[in-house]
Amino acid sequence: APPRFVGQMMGMWFLCTALGLVLAGLFAGRFRADALGEWPGLYTQL
């Protein structure tokens, strides 16, 4: 990061981490207990 943007870029790093965590929750919701046959395919996608 350019010296004048270091603090903001650290914020961007954590923002992207937060985005990954939100997507993690959405992806985890696709593992339905009534559709176990789909689980190997979901893990394959990831």
All heavy atoms as atom14 arrays in JSON, in Angstrom:
{
  "sequence": "APPRFVGQMMGMWFLCTALGLVLAGLFAGRFRADALGEWPGLYTQL",
  "atom14_mask": [
    [1, 1, 1, 1, 1, 0, 0, 0, 0, 0, 0, 0, 0, 0],
    [1, 1, 1, 1, 1, 1, 1, 0, 0, 0, 0, 0, 0, 0],
    [1, 1, 1, 1, 1, 1, 1, 0, 0, 0, 0, 0, 0, 0],
    [1, 1, 1, 1, 1, 1, 1, 1, 1, 1, 1, 0, 0, 0],
    [1, 1, 1, 1, 1, 1, 1, 1, 1, 1, 1, 0, 0, 0],
    [1, 1, 1, 1, 1, 1, 1, 0, 0, 0, 0, 0, 0, 0],
    [1, 1, 1, 1, 0, 0, 0, 0, 0, 0, 0, 0, 0, 0],
    [1, 1, 1, 1, 1, 1, 1, 1, 1, 0, 0, 0, 0, 0],
    [1, 1, 1, 1, 1, 1, 1, 1, 0, 0, 0, 0, 0, 0],
    [1, 1, 1, 1, 1, 1, 1, 1, 0, 0, 0, 0, 0, 0],
    [1, 1, 1, 1, 0, 0, 0, 0, 0, 0, 0, 0, 0, 0],
    [1, 1, 1, 1, 1, 1, 1, 1, 0, 0, 0, 0, 0, 0],
    [1, 1, 1, 1, 1, 1, 1, 1, 1, 1, 1, 1, 1, 1],
    [1, 1, 1, 1, 1, 1, 1, 1, 1, 1, 1, 0, 0, 0],
    [1, 1, 1, 1, 1, 1, 1, 1, 0, 0, 0, 0, 0, 0],
    [1, 1, 1, 1, 1, 1, 0, 0, 0, 0, 0, 0, 0, 0],
    [1, 1, 1, 1, 1, 1, 1, 0, 0, 0, 0, 0, 0, 0],
    [1, 1, 1, 1, 1, 0, 0, 0, 0, 0, 0, 0, 0, 0],
    [1, 1, 1, 1, 1, 1, 1, 1, 0, 0, 0, 0, 0, 0],
    [1, 1, 1, 1, 0, 0, 0, 0, 0, 0, 0, 0, 0, 0],
    [1, 1, 1, 1, 1, 1, 1, 1, 0, 0, 0, 0, 0, 0],
    [1, 1, 1, 1, 1, 1, 1, 0, 0, 0, 0, 0, 0, 0],
    [1, 1, 1, 1, 1, 1, 1, 1, 0, 0, 0, 0, 0, 0],
    [1, 1, 1, 1, 1, 0, 0, 0, 0, 0, 0, 0, 0, 0],
    [1, 1, 1, 1, 0, 0, 0, 0, 0, 0, 0, 0, 0, 0],
    [1, 1, 1, 1, 1, 1, 1, 1, 0, 0, 0, 0, 0, 0],
    [1, 1, 1, 1, 1, 1, 1, 1, 1, 1, 1, 0, 0, 0],
    [1, 1, 1, 1, 1, 0, 0, 0, 0, 0, 0, 0, 0, 0],
    [1, 1, 1, 1, 0, 0, 0, 0, 0, 0, 0, 0, 0, 0],
    [1, 1, 1, 1, 1, 1, 1, 1, 1, 1, 1, 0, 0, 0],
    [1, 1, 1, 1, 1, 1, 1, 1, 1, 1, 1, 0, 0, 0],
    [1, 1, 1, 1, 1, 1, 1, 1, 1, 1, 1, 0, 0, 0],
    [1, 1, 1, 1, 1, 0, 0, 0, 0, 0, 0, 0, 0, 0],
    [1, 1, 1, 1, 1, 1, 1, 1, 0, 0, 0, 0, 0, 0],
    [1, 1, 1, 1, 1, 0, 0, 0, 0, 0, 0, 0, 0, 0],
    [1, 1, 1, 1, 1, 1, 1, 1, 0, 0, 0, 0, 0, 0],
    [1, 1, 1, 1, 0, 0, 0, 0, 0, 0, 0, 0, 0, 0],
    [1, 1, 1, 1, 1, 1, 1, 1, 1, 0, 0, 0, 0, 0],
    [1, 1, 1, 1, 1, 1, 1, 1, 1, 1, 1, 1, 1, 1],
    [1, 1, 1, 1, 1, 1, 1, 0, 0, 0, 0, 0, 0, 0],
    [1, 1, 1, 1, 0, 0, 0, 0, 0, 0, 0, 0, 0, 0],
    [1, 1, 1, 1, 1, 1, 1, 1, 0, 0, 0, 0, 0, 0],
    [1, 1, 1, 1, 1, 1, 1, 1, 1, 1, 1, 1, 0, 0],
    [1, 1, 1, 1, 1, 1, 1, 0, 0, 0, 0, 0, 0, 0],
    [1, 1, 1, 1, 1, 1, 1, 1, 1, 0, 0, 0, 0, 0],
    [1, 1, 1, 1, 1, 1, 1, 1, 0, 0, 0, 0, 0, 0]
  ],
  "atom14_positions": [
    [[0.84, -1.21, 0.0], [0.0, 0.0, 0.0], [0.87, 1.25, 0.0], [1.89, 1.31, 0.69], [-0.92, 0.0, 1.21], [0.0, 0.0, 0.0], [0.0, 0.0, 0.0], [0.0, 0.0, 0.0], [0.0, 0.0, 0.0], [0.0, 0.0, 0.0], [0.0, 0.0, 0.0], [0.0, 0.0, 0.0], [0.0, 0.0, 0.0], [0.0, 0.0, 0.0]],
    [[0.48, 2.27, -0.77], [1.18, 3.57, -0.67], [1.13, 4.05, 0.78], [0.12, 3.84, 1.47], [0.35, 4.47, -1.59], [-0.32, 3.55, -2.55], [-0.6, 2.31, -1.76], [0.0, 0.0, 0.0], [0.0, 0.0, 0.0], [0.0, 0.0, 0.0], [0.0, 0.0, 0.0], [0.0, 0.0, 0.0], [0.0, 0.0, 0.0], [0.0, 0.0, 0.0]],
    [[2.21, 4.67, 1.27], [2.26, 5.05, 2.7], [1.04, 5.83, 3.18], [0.57, 5.63, 4.3], [3.54, 5.9, 2.76], [4.4, 5.37, 1.66], [3.45, 4.99, 0.56], [0.0, 0.0, 0.0], [0.0, 0.0, 0.0], [0.0, 0.0, 0.0], [0.0, 0.0, 0.0], [0.0, 0.0, 0.0], [0.0, 0.0, 0.0], [0.0, 0.0, 0.0]],
    [[0.49, 6.7, 2.34], [-0.66, 7.52, 2.76], [-1.97, 6.74, 2.77], [-2.99, 7.26, 3.21], [-0.8, 8.72, 1.83], [-1.0, 8.37, 0.37], [-0.78, 9.59, -0.52], [-0.92, 9.29, -1.93], [0.02, 8.71, -2.68], [1.17, 8.34, -2.12], [-0.17, 8.49, -3.97], [0.0, 0.0, 0.0], [0.0, 0.0, 0.0], [0.0, 0.0, 0.0]],
    [[-1.94, 5.46, 2.28], [-3.15, 4.65, 2.24], [-3.04, 3.37, 3.06], [-3.89, 2.49, 2.96], [-3.48, 4.26, 0.79], [-3.92, 5.4, -0.08], [-3.2, 5.76, -1.2], [-5.06, 6.12, 0.23], [-3.6, 6.82, -2.01], [-5.47, 7.18, -0.56], [-4.74, 7.53, -1.68], [0.0, 0.0, 0.0], [0.0, 0.0, 0.0], [0.0, 0.0, 0.0]],
    [[-1.99, 3.24, 3.87], [-1.77, 1.98, 4.59], [-2.95, 1.63, 5.49], [-3.47, 0.5, 5.48], [-0.47, 2.05, 5.43], [-0.38, 0.83, 6.36], [0.73, 2.07, 4.5], [0.0, 0.0, 0.0], [0.0, 0.0, 0.0], [0.0, 0.0, 0.0], [0.0, 0.0, 0.0], [0.0, 0.0, 0.0], [0.0, 0.0, 0.0], [0.0, 0.0, 0.0]],
    [[-3.41, 2.6, 6.3], [-4.53, 2.33, 7.2], [-5.78, 1.93, 6.46], [-6.49, 0.99, 6.84], [0.0, 0.0, 0.0], [0.0, 0.0, 0.0], [0.0, 0.0, 0.0], [0.0, 0.0, 0.0], [0.0, 0.0, 0.0], [0.0, 0.0, 0.0], [0.0, 0.0, 0.0], [0.0, 0.0, 0.0], [0.0, 0.0, 0.0], [0.0, 0.0, 0.0]],
    [[-6.06, 2.62, 5.36], [-7.25, 2.3, 4.57], [-7.13, 0.93, 3.92], [-8.12, 0.2, 3.82], [-7.45, 3.38, 3.5], [-7.73, 4.76, 4.08], [-7.84, 5.83, 3.0], [-8.52, 5.63, 2.01], [-7.17, 6.96, 3.2], [0.0, 0.0, 0.0], [0.0, 0.0, 0.0], [0.0, 0.0, 0.0], [0.0, 0.0, 0.0], [0.0, 0.0, 0.0]],
    [[-5.93, 0.59, 3.47], [-5.76, -0.71, 2.83], [-5.87, -1.86, 3.83], [-6.33, -2.95, 3.5], [-4.41, -0.77, 2.11], [-4.38, 0.04, 0.83], [-5.7, -0.48, -0.3], [-5.85, 0.98, -1.33], [0.0, 0.0, 0.0], [0.0, 0.0, 0.0], [0.0, 0.0, 0.0], [0.0, 0.0, 0.0], [0.0, 0.0, 0.0], [0.0, 0.0, 0.0]],
    [[-5.45, -1.62, 5.07], [-5.68, -2.63, 6.11], [-7.18, -2.8, 6.31], [-7.67, -3.92, 6.51], [-5.01, -2.21, 7.42], [-3.49, -2.35, 7.41], [-2.92, -4.02, 7.04], [-3.62, -4.92, 8.4], [0.0, 0.0, 0.0], [0.0, 0.0, 0.0], [0.0, 0.0, 0.0], [0.0, 0.0, 0.0], [0.0, 0.0, 0.0], [0.0, 0.0, 0.0]],
    [[-7.91, -1.69, 6.24], [-9.36, -1.78, 6.31], [-9.93, -2.59, 5.17], [-10.86, -3.39, 5.35], [0.0, 0.0, 0.0], [0.0, 0.0, 0.0], [0.0, 0.0, 0.0], [0.0, 0.0, 0.0], [0.0, 0.0, 0.0], [0.0, 0.0, 0.0], [0.0, 0.0, 0.0], [0.0, 0.0, 0.0], [0.0, 0.0, 0.0], [0.0, 0.0, 0.0]],
    [[-9.38, -2.42, 3.95], [-9.83, -3.2, 2.8], [-9.54, -4.69, 2.98], [-10.33, -5.55, 2.57], [-9.15, -2.7, 1.53], [-9.76, -1.45, 0.93], [-11.48, -1.7, 0.4], [-12.35, -0.91, 1.76], [0.0, 0.0, 0.0], [0.0, 0.0, 0.0], [0.0, 0.0, 0.0], [0.0, 0.0, 0.0], [0.0, 0.0, 0.0], [0.0, 0.0, 0.0]],
    [[-8.39, -4.99, 3.58], [-8.06, -6.4, 3.84], [-9.12, -7.03, 4.75], [-9.61, -8.12, 4.49], [-6.68, -6.52, 4.46], [-6.35, -7.91, 4.94], [-6.43, -8.38, 6.21], [-5.93, -9.02, 4.13], [-6.08, -9.71, 6.26], [-5.76, -10.12, 5.0], [-5.67, -9.17, 2.77], [-5.35, -11.37, 4.54], [-5.26, -10.42, 2.31], [-5.1, -11.5, 3.19]],
    [[-9.48, -6.33, 5.81], [-10.48, -6.86, 6.73], [-11.87, -6.87, 6.09], [-12.69, -7.75, 6.37], [-10.49, -6.05, 8.03], [-9.3, -6.31, 8.89], [-8.45, -5.28, 9.26], [-9.0, -7.58, 9.34], [-7.34, -5.51, 10.06], [-7.89, -7.83, 10.12], [-7.05, -6.79, 10.48], [0.0, 0.0, 0.0], [0.0, 0.0, 0.0], [0.0, 0.0, 0.0]],
    [[-12.15, -5.89, 5.22], [-13.43, -5.89, 4.51], [-13.54, -7.13, 3.62], [-14.6, -7.78, 3.57], [-13.58, -4.61, 3.68], [-14.92, -4.41, 2.96], [-15.25, -2.92, 2.88], [-14.89, -4.99, 1.54], [0.0, 0.0, 0.0], [0.0, 0.0, 0.0], [0.0, 0.0, 0.0], [0.0, 0.0, 0.0], [0.0, 0.0, 0.0], [0.0, 0.0, 0.0]],
    [[-12.46, -7.46, 2.91], [-12.48, -8.66, 2.06], [-12.58, -9.93, 2.89], [-13.22, -10.91, 2.48], [-11.24, -8.68, 1.17], [-11.25, -7.43, -0.13], [0.0, 0.0, 0.0], [0.0, 0.0, 0.0], [0.0, 0.0, 0.0], [0.0, 0.0, 0.0], [0.0, 0.0, 0.0], [0.0, 0.0, 0.0], [0.0, 0.0, 0.0], [0.0, 0.0, 0.0]],
    [[-11.94, -9.92, 4.06], [-12.11, -11.06, 4.98], [-13.57, -11.2, 5.38], [-14.13, -12.31, 5.4], [-11.23, -10.87, 6.22], [-9.86, -10.78, 5.83], [-11.4, -12.05, 7.18], [0.0, 0.0, 0.0], [0.0, 0.0, 0.0], [0.0, 0.0, 0.0], [0.0, 0.0, 0.0], [0.0, 0.0, 0.0], [0.0, 0.0, 0.0], [0.0, 0.0, 0.0]],
    [[-14.2, -10.08, 5.72], [-15.62, -10.1, 6.09], [-16.48, -10.62, 4.94], [-17.42, -11.39, 5.15], [-16.07, -8.71, 6.51], [0.0, 0.0, 0.0], [0.0, 0.0, 0.0], [0.0, 0.0, 0.0], [0.0, 0.0, 0.0], [0.0, 0.0, 0.0], [0.0, 0.0, 0.0], [0.0, 0.0, 0.0], [0.0, 0.0, 0.0], [0.0, 0.0, 0.0]],
    [[-16.17, -10.2, 3.71], [-16.92, -10.69, 2.55], [-16.79, -12.2, 2.44], [-17.78, -12.91, 2.19], [-16.4, -10.01, 1.28], [-16.96, -10.53, -0.06], [-18.47, -10.45, -0.09], [-16.34, -9.75, -1.22], [0.0, 0.0, 0.0], [0.0, 0.0, 0.0], [0.0, 0.0, 0.0], [0.0, 0.0, 0.0], [0.0, 0.0, 0.0], [0.0, 0.0, 0.0]],
    [[-15.58, -12.72, 2.64], [-15.39, -14.16, 2.61], [-16.2, -14.88, 3.67], [-16.77, -15.96, 3.43], [0.0, 0.0, 0.0], [0.0, 0.0, 0.0], [0.0, 0.0, 0.0], [0.0, 0.0, 0.0], [0.0, 0.0, 0.0], [0.0, 0.0, 0.0], [0.0, 0.0, 0.0], [0.0, 0.0, 0.0], [0.0, 0.0, 0.0], [0.0, 0.0, 0.0]],
    [[-16.31, -14.29, 4.85], [-17.07, -14.91, 5.94], [-18.57, -14.91, 5.66], [-19.27, -15.88, 5.99], [-16.77, -14.18, 7.25], [-15.31, -14.22, 7.72], [-15.13, -13.45, 9.01], [-14.84, -15.66, 7.9], [0.0, 0.0, 0.0], [0.0, 0.0, 0.0], [0.0, 0.0, 0.0], [0.0, 0.0, 0.0], [0.0, 0.0, 0.0], [0.0, 0.0, 0.0]],
    [[-19.07, -13.84, 5.06], [-20.49, -13.83, 4.67], [-20.75, -14.92, 3.63], [-21.74, -15.67, 3.71], [-20.89, -12.45, 4.12], [-22.33, -12.49, 3.59], [-20.79, -11.39, 5.21], [0.0, 0.0, 0.0], [0.0, 0.0, 0.0], [0.0, 0.0, 0.0], [0.0, 0.0, 0.0], [0.0, 0.0, 0.0], [0.0, 0.0, 0.0], [0.0, 0.0, 0.0]],
    [[-19.88, -15.02, 2.63], [-20.04, -16.05, 1.6], [-19.93, -17.45, 2.2], [-20.6, -18.38, 1.75], [-18.99, -15.86, 0.5], [-19.13, -14.59, -0.35], [-17.98, -14.49, -1.33], [-20.46, -14.58, -1.09], [0.0, 0.0, 0.0], [0.0, 0.0, 0.0], [0.0, 0.0, 0.0], [0.0, 0.0, 0.0], [0.0, 0.0, 0.0], [0.0, 0.0, 0.0]],
    [[-19.08, -17.59, 3.22], [-18.95, -18.88, 3.9], [-20.28, -19.31, 4.5], [-20.69, -20.47, 4.39], [-17.88, -18.81, 4.99], [0.0, 0.0, 0.0], [0.0, 0.0, 0.0], [0.0, 0.0, 0.0], [0.0, 0.0, 0.0], [0.0, 0.0, 0.0], [0.0, 0.0, 0.0], [0.0, 0.0, 0.0], [0.0, 0.0, 0.0], [0.0, 0.0, 0.0]],
    [[-20.98, -18.36, 5.14], [-22.28, -18.68, 5.71], [-23.31, -19.03, 4.65], [-24.09, -19.98, 4.82], [0.0, 0.0, 0.0], [0.0, 0.0, 0.0], [0.0, 0.0, 0.0], [0.0, 0.0, 0.0], [0.0, 0.0, 0.0], [0.0, 0.0, 0.0], [0.0, 0.0, 0.0], [0.0, 0.0, 0.0], [0.0, 0.0, 0.0], [0.0, 0.0, 0.0]],
    [[-23.31, -18.3, 3.56], [-24.26, -18.6, 2.48], [-23.98, -19.96, 1.85], [-24.9, -20.72, 1.56], [-24.19, -17.5, 1.41], [-24.75, -16.13, 1.82], [-24.41, -15.07, 0.78], [-26.26, -16.22, 2.04], [0.0, 0.0, 0.0], [0.0, 0.0, 0.0], [0.0, 0.0, 0.0], [0.0, 0.0, 0.0], [0.0, 0.0, 0.0], [0.0, 0.0, 0.0]],
    [[-22.7, -20.27, 1.66], [-22.36, -21.57, 1.07], [-22.7, -22.7, 2.03], [-23.2, -23.75, 1.62], [-20.87, -21.61, 0.7], [-20.49, -22.82, -0.11], [-20.77, -22.88, -1.46], [-19.85, -23.9, 0.49], [-20.42, -24.0, -2.21], [-19.5, -25.03, -0.25], [-19.79, -25.07, -1.61], [0.0, 0.0, 0.0], [0.0, 0.0, 0.0], [0.0, 0.0, 0.0]],
    [[-22.44, -22.49, 3.33], [-22.75, -23.53, 4.32], [-24.24, -23.84, 4.35], [-24.64, -24.97, 4.63], [-22.27, -23.08, 5.7], [0.0, 0.0, 0.0], [0.0, 0.0, 0.0], [0.0, 0.0, 0.0], [0.0, 0.0, 0.0], [0.0, 0.0, 0.0], [0.0, 0.0, 0.0], [0.0, 0.0, 0.0], [0.0, 0.0, 0.0], [0.0, 0.0, 0.0]],
    [[-25.07, -22.84, 4.07], [-26.52, -23.06, 4.06], [-26.99, -23.99, 2.97], [-28.13, -24.47, 3.01], [0.0, 0.0, 0.0], [0.0, 0.0, 0.0], [0.0, 0.0, 0.0], [0.0, 0.0, 0.0], [0.0, 0.0, 0.0], [0.0, 0.0, 0.0], [0.0, 0.0, 0.0], [0.0, 0.0, 0.0], [0.0, 0.0, 0.0], [0.0, 0.0, 0.0]],
    [[-26.13, -24.26, 1.98], [-26.52, -25.17, 0.89], [-26.39, -26.64, 1.3], [-26.87, -27.52, 0.59], [-25.65, -24.89, -0.34], [-25.81, -23.48, -0.9], [-24.83, -23.19, -2.01], [-25.02, -24.1, -3.14], [-24.2, -24.15, -4.2], [-23.13, -23.34, -4.23], [-24.43, -24.99, -5.18], [0.0, 0.0, 0.0], [0.0, 0.0, 0.0], [0.0, 0.0, 0.0]],
    [[-25.73, -26.91, 2.45], [-25.58, -28.28, 2.92], [-26.83, -28.67, 3.72], [-26.85, -28.6, 4.95], [-24.32, -28.41, 3.78], [-23.04, -28.29, 3.0], [-22.47, -27.04, 2.77], [-22.41, -29.41, 2.48], [-21.29, -26.91, 2.05], [-21.23, -29.3, 1.76], [-20.67, -28.04, 1.54], [0.0, 0.0, 0.0], [0.0, 0.0, 0.0], [0.0, 0.0, 0.0]],
    [[-27.86, -29.08, 3.02], [-29.14, -29.39, 3.66], [-29.15, -30.84, 4.15], [-28.69, -31.75, 3.46], [-30.29, -29.17, 2.68], [-30.35, -27.76, 2.12], [-31.7, -27.46, 1.48], [-32.3, -28.59, 0.83], [-32.1, -28.94, -0.45], [-31.27, -28.22, -1.21], [-32.7, -29.99, -0.97], [0.0, 0.0, 0.0], [0.0, 0.0, 0.0], [0.0, 0.0, 0.0]],
    [[-29.7, -31.03, 5.35], [-29.74, -32.37, 5.93], [-30.63, -33.32, 5.13], [-30.43, -34.54, 5.17], [-30.25, -32.29, 7.38], [0.0, 0.0, 0.0], [0.0, 0.0, 0.0], [0.0, 0.0, 0.0], [0.0, 0.0, 0.0], [0.0, 0.0, 0.0], [0.0, 0.0, 0.0], [0.0, 0.0, 0.0], [0.0, 0.0, 0.0], [0.0, 0.0, 0.0]],
    [[-31.59, -32.78, 4.39], [-32.49, -33.63, 3.6], [-31.96, -33.87, 2.19], [-32.66, -34.42, 1.35], [-33.89, -33.0, 3.52], [-33.86, -31.61, 2.88], [-32.76, -31.07, 2.67], [-34.95, -31.08, 2.61], [0.0, 0.0, 0.0], [0.0, 0.0, 0.0], [0.0, 0.0, 0.0], [0.0, 0.0, 0.0], [0.0, 0.0, 0.0], [0.0, 0.0, 0.0]],
    [[-30.71, -33.48, 1.93], [-30.12, -33.66, 0.59], [-28.66, -34.07, 0.73], [-27.77, -33.45, 0.14], [-30.28, -32.4, -0.25], [0.0, 0.0, 0.0], [0.0, 0.0, 0.0], [0.0, 0.0, 0.0], [0.0, 0.0, 0.0], [0.0, 0.0, 0.0], [0.0, 0.0, 0.0], [0.0, 0.0, 0.0], [0.0, 0.0, 0.0], [0.0, 0.0, 0.0]],
    [[-28.4, -35.12, 1.49], [-27.03, -35.56, 1.74], [-26.32, -35.96, 0.44], [-25.09, -35.85, 0.35], [-27.01, -36.73, 2.72], [-27.39, -36.4, 4.18], [-27.42, -37.68, 5.01], [-26.42, -35.39, 4.77], [0.0, 0.0, 0.0], [0.0, 0.0, 0.0], [0.0, 0.0, 0.0], [0.0, 0.0, 0.0], [0.0, 0.0, 0.0], [0.0, 0.0, 0.0]],
    [[-27.08, -36.41, -0.53], [-26.48, -36.82, -1.79], [-25.82, -35.67, -2.53], [-24.95, -35.89, -3.4], [0.0, 0.0, 0.0], [0.0, 0.0, 0.0], [0.0, 0.0, 0.0], [0.0, 0.0, 0.0], [0.0, 0.0, 0.0], [0.0, 0.0, 0.0], [0.0, 0.0, 0.0], [0.0, 0.0, 0.0], [0.0, 0.0, 0.0], [0.0, 0.0, 0.0]],
    [[-26.19, -34.43, -2.2], [-25.6, -33.27, -2.86], [-24.29, -32.83, -2.21], [-23.54, -32.04, -2.8], [-26.59, -32.1, -2.85], [-27.89, -32.37, -3.6], [-28.86, -31.21, -3.49], [-28.46, -30.18, -2.89], [-29.98, -31.32, -4.0], [0.0, 0.0, 0.0], [0.0, 0.0, 0.0], [0.0, 0.0, 0.0], [0.0, 0.0, 0.0], [0.0, 0.0, 0.0]],
    [[-24.01, -33.31, -1.02], [-22.84, -32.83, -0.28], [-21.51, -33.1, -0.99], [-20.67, -32.19, -1.04], [-22.84, -33.42, 1.14], [-23.86, -32.8, 2.04], [-25.11, -32.39, 1.7], [-23.72, -32.52, 3.43], [-25.77, -31.89, 2.79], [-24.95, -31.95, 3.86], [-22.71, -32.71, 4.35], [-25.15, -31.57, 5.18], [-22.91, -32.32, 5.68], [-24.12, -31.76, 6.09]],
    [[-21.27, -34.32, -1.5], [-19.99, -34.52, -2.2], [-19.8, -33.54, -3.35], [-18.69, -33.04, -3.58], [-20.09, -35.97, -2.7], [-21.04, -36.63, -1.76], [-22.05, -35.58, -1.44], [0.0, 0.0, 0.0], [0.0, 0.0, 0.0], [0.0, 0.0, 0.0], [0.0, 0.0, 0.0], [0.0, 0.0, 0.0], [0.0, 0.0, 0.0], [0.0, 0.0, 0.0]],
    [[-20.87, -33.25, -4.08], [-20.77, -32.31, -5.19], [-20.47, -30.9, -4.72], [-19.7, -30.17, -5.37], [0.0, 0.0, 0.0], [0.0, 0.0, 0.0], [0.0, 0.0, 0.0], [0.0, 0.0, 0.0], [0.0, 0.0, 0.0], [0.0, 0.0, 0.0], [0.0, 0.0, 0.0], [0.0, 0.0, 0.0], [0.0, 0.0, 0.0], [0.0, 0.0, 0.0]],
    [[-21.04, -30.5, -3.59], [-20.79, -29.15, -3.06], [-19.33, -29.01, -2.62], [-18.68, -27.99, -2.9], [-21.73, -28.86, -1.89], [-23.21, -28.69, -2.25], [-24.06, -28.6, -0.99], [-23.42, -27.45, -3.11], [0.0, 0.0, 0.0], [0.0, 0.0, 0.0], [0.0, 0.0, 0.0], [0.0, 0.0, 0.0], [0.0, 0.0, 0.0], [0.0, 0.0, 0.0]],
    [[-18.82, -30.03, -1.92], [-17.42, -29.98, -1.53], [-16.5, -30.02, -2.75], [-15.43, -29.41, -2.76], [-17.09, -31.13, -0.57], [-17.59, -30.9, 0.83], [-18.35, -31.88, 1.49], [-17.32, -29.73, 1.52], [-18.82, -31.68, 2.77], [-17.79, -29.53, 2.81], [-18.54, -30.51, 3.43], [-19.0, -30.3, 4.72], [0.0, 0.0, 0.0], [0.0, 0.0, 0.0]],
    [[-16.92, -30.74, -3.78], [-16.14, -30.78, -5.02], [-16.05, -29.4, -5.65], [-14.98, -28.97, -6.12], [-16.76, -31.78, -6.02], [-16.78, -33.09, -5.44], [-15.96, -31.82, -7.32], [0.0, 0.0, 0.0], [0.0, 0.0, 0.0], [0.0, 0.0, 0.0], [0.0, 0.0, 0.0], [0.0, 0.0, 0.0], [0.0, 0.0, 0.0], [0.0, 0.0, 0.0]],
    [[-17.18, -28.68, -5.67], [-17.18, -27.33, -6.23], [-16.18, -26.43, -5.5], [-15.4, -25.71, -6.13], [-18.58, -26.72, -6.14], [-19.63, -27.37, -7.03], [-21.01, -26.78, -6.78], [-21.15, -25.68, -6.26], [-22.05, -27.54, -7.14], [0.0, 0.0, 0.0], [0.0, 0.0, 0.0], [0.0, 0.0, 0.0], [0.0, 0.0, 0.0], [0.0, 0.0, 0.0]],
    [[-16.22, -26.48, -4.16], [-15.34, -25.62, -3.38], [-13.88, -26.02, -3.56], [-12.99, -25.17, -3.7], [-15.73, -25.69, -1.9], [-14.96, -24.78, -0.94], [-15.02, -23.33, -1.38], [-15.52, -24.93, 0.48], [0.0, 0.0, 0.0], [0.0, 0.0, 0.0], [0.0, 0.0, 0.0], [0.0, 0.0, 0.0], [0.0, 0.0, 0.0], [0.0, 0.0, 0.0]]
  ]
}
